[in-house]
């Protein structure tokens, strides 16, 4: 299956980007564990604003791609819609 219909080189590039997004999600989880306020931490995070913005924008990118893919699959009949 090609990520980009009828374009093998672009499909290969999209696959590379998807692998990078996978690593981005893993990195976000690591960052949350290392700098986040979870796990009972009460001290302020040492992360700077630019780190927070990087994490936020990375999360938005991944989330938008996942939601767009989900919607596309619903529209193509690959997943059931909510009304089904």
Protein backbone atom coordinates (compact mmCIF):
# COMPACT_ATOMS: atom_id res chain seq x y z
CA UNK A 1 0.00 0.00 0.00
CA UNK A 2 1.34 3.40 -0.94
CA UNK A 3 1.05 6.28 1.48
CA UNK A 4 0.71 8.60 -1.53
CA UNK A 5 -1.26 7.08 -4.38
CA UNK A 6 0.73 6.53 -7.58
CA UNK A 7 3.91 8.07 -6.23
CA UNK A 8 6.44 5.62 -4.82
CA UNK A 9 9.13 8.17 -3.89
CA UNK A 10 6.67 10.42 -2.06
CA UNK A 11 5.26 7.35 -0.29
CA UNK A 12 8.73 6.41 0.92
CA UNK A 13 9.23 9.94 2.23
CA UNK A 14 5.88 9.87 4.04
CA UNK A 15 6.87 6.57 5.66
CA UNK A 16 10.10 8.22 6.89
CA UNK A 17 8.08 11.08 8.35
CA UNK A 18 5.72 8.64 10.07
CA UNK A 19 8.69 6.87 11.63
CA UNK A 20 9.90 10.23 12.88
CA UNK A 21 6.45 10.96 14.34
CA UNK A 22 6.60 7.63 16.16
CA UNK A 23 9.93 8.63 17.67
CA UNK A 24 8.44 12.03 18.52
CA UNK A 25 5.65 10.37 20.52
CA UNK A 26 8.23 8.27 22.35
CA UNK A 27 10.27 11.40 23.06
CA UNK A 28 7.21 13.22 24.39
CA UNK A 29 6.53 10.36 26.78
CA UNK A 30 10.14 10.44 27.98
CA UNK A 31 10.03 14.21 28.41
CA UNK A 32 6.83 13.96 30.42
CA UNK A 33 8.41 11.36 32.66
CA UNK A 34 11.60 13.39 33.15
CA UNK A 35 10.24 16.93 33.41
CA UNK A 36 6.51 16.64 33.97
CA UNK A 37 4.63 17.14 37.18
CA UNK A 38 3.40 13.54 37.31
CA UNK A 39 4.70 10.75 39.52
CA UNK A 40 4.00 12.78 42.69
CA UNK A 41 6.37 15.62 41.87
CA UNK A 42 5.62 18.95 43.48
CA UNK A 43 8.67 20.98 42.45
CA UNK A 44 8.33 23.21 39.42
CA UNK A 45 9.56 21.72 36.17
CA UNK A 46 12.97 22.94 35.03
CA UNK A 47 11.67 22.99 31.43
CA UNK A 48 11.81 26.35 29.71
CA UNK A 49 9.00 27.92 27.72
CA UNK A 50 10.62 26.84 24.46
CA UNK A 51 10.64 23.22 25.66
CA UNK A 52 6.96 23.42 26.56
CA UNK A 53 6.17 24.98 23.17
CA UNK A 54 8.14 22.27 21.38
CA UNK A 55 6.22 19.56 23.26
CA UNK A 56 2.87 21.26 22.64
CA UNK A 57 3.41 21.83 18.94
CA UNK A 58 4.73 18.30 18.46
CA UNK A 59 1.65 16.94 20.18
CA UNK A 60 -0.65 19.05 18.01
CA UNK A 61 1.07 17.78 14.85
CA UNK A 62 0.78 14.13 15.83
CA UNK A 63 -2.82 14.50 17.03
CA UNK A 64 -3.98 16.32 13.90
CA UNK A 65 -2.41 13.65 11.69
CA UNK A 66 -4.04 10.83 13.65
CA UNK A 67 -7.46 12.51 13.60
CA UNK A 68 -7.22 13.33 9.88
CA UNK A 69 -6.26 9.73 9.15
CA UNK A 70 -9.14 8.44 11.25
CA UNK A 71 -11.62 10.72 9.46
CA UNK A 72 -10.26 9.70 6.05
CA UNK A 73 -10.70 6.02 6.90
CA UNK A 74 -14.28 6.63 8.03
CA UNK A 75 -15.03 8.48 4.79
CA UNK A 76 -13.53 5.65 2.71
CA UNK A 77 -15.55 3.04 4.59
CA UNK A 78 -12.50 1.51 6.27
CA UNK A 79 -13.88 2.31 9.75
CA UNK A 80 -17.49 2.54 10.93
CA UNK A 81 -18.83 6.04 11.52
CA UNK A 82 -20.46 6.95 14.82
CA UNK A 83 -23.94 6.60 13.31
CA UNK A 84 -23.37 2.96 12.34
